[in-house]
Amino acid sequence: MIKINDVLGLPVIYDNGEKSPGFLKDIIFNTYEKQVKAFIAERTGIMKDETIFELEDICDIGEGTVIIKKPTKASPWFKDKENRKYSDIDKKKEEIRVYTKVGEDLGTVKDIYFNLKTGYIEAFELSHGLVQDIIDGRKMIPLIGKYEFGKDNILVGKDAVQEMTNSGRGLKKKLFEK
């Protein structure tokens, strides 16, 4: 499983040695298909440029770089109005709230985990606000069982809630762990 915030900002290089398209700037995903669709690399400096490449173009993602094949066609990600940029969520232009099917508010999506081979979104990291995140840490909820995606919310079934785990970060855990 790949966590989006762990790969954003990594250098992107071509597997054939051509000049790098820059650094991984953004990820495009489709909430209705529950899948990562494309990636945006940006070259900064005087010759600023963006390269859009699809999941199939990725050879590998390591701890320090993203290795891709040179895209052979322009990515059609922008044609589907259901596609969204991760940066819109990260920069709070949009919020996706997660609720149980009985109406309990589980928090706001702050990170997305996806499968590199299939692109399918497998889990979300949820926040209940800065103070709660500091005290308890964030929670990770897997997409198992029944769940429904909407434009600005996700409804999850009891299976997912039962499998929800803490991120392991948070003052409460660190203080009382000893």
Foldseek 3Di string as FASTA:
>chain_A
DDKVVQQFQAWEEEPVGPDTQATWHWWKDFQQVQFTFWTWHWDDDPPTDIDIGGLVQWPDDDNHYTYGHPDPDHRPSVVDPRMDIPVCCQVVVAWEWEAEPVGHTLATFNIWDADSVTRHTFKTWGDPDDVCCQAQNIKIFTQDDDKDDDSRYIYHYVVRVVVIGHPCHHDNCVVPVD
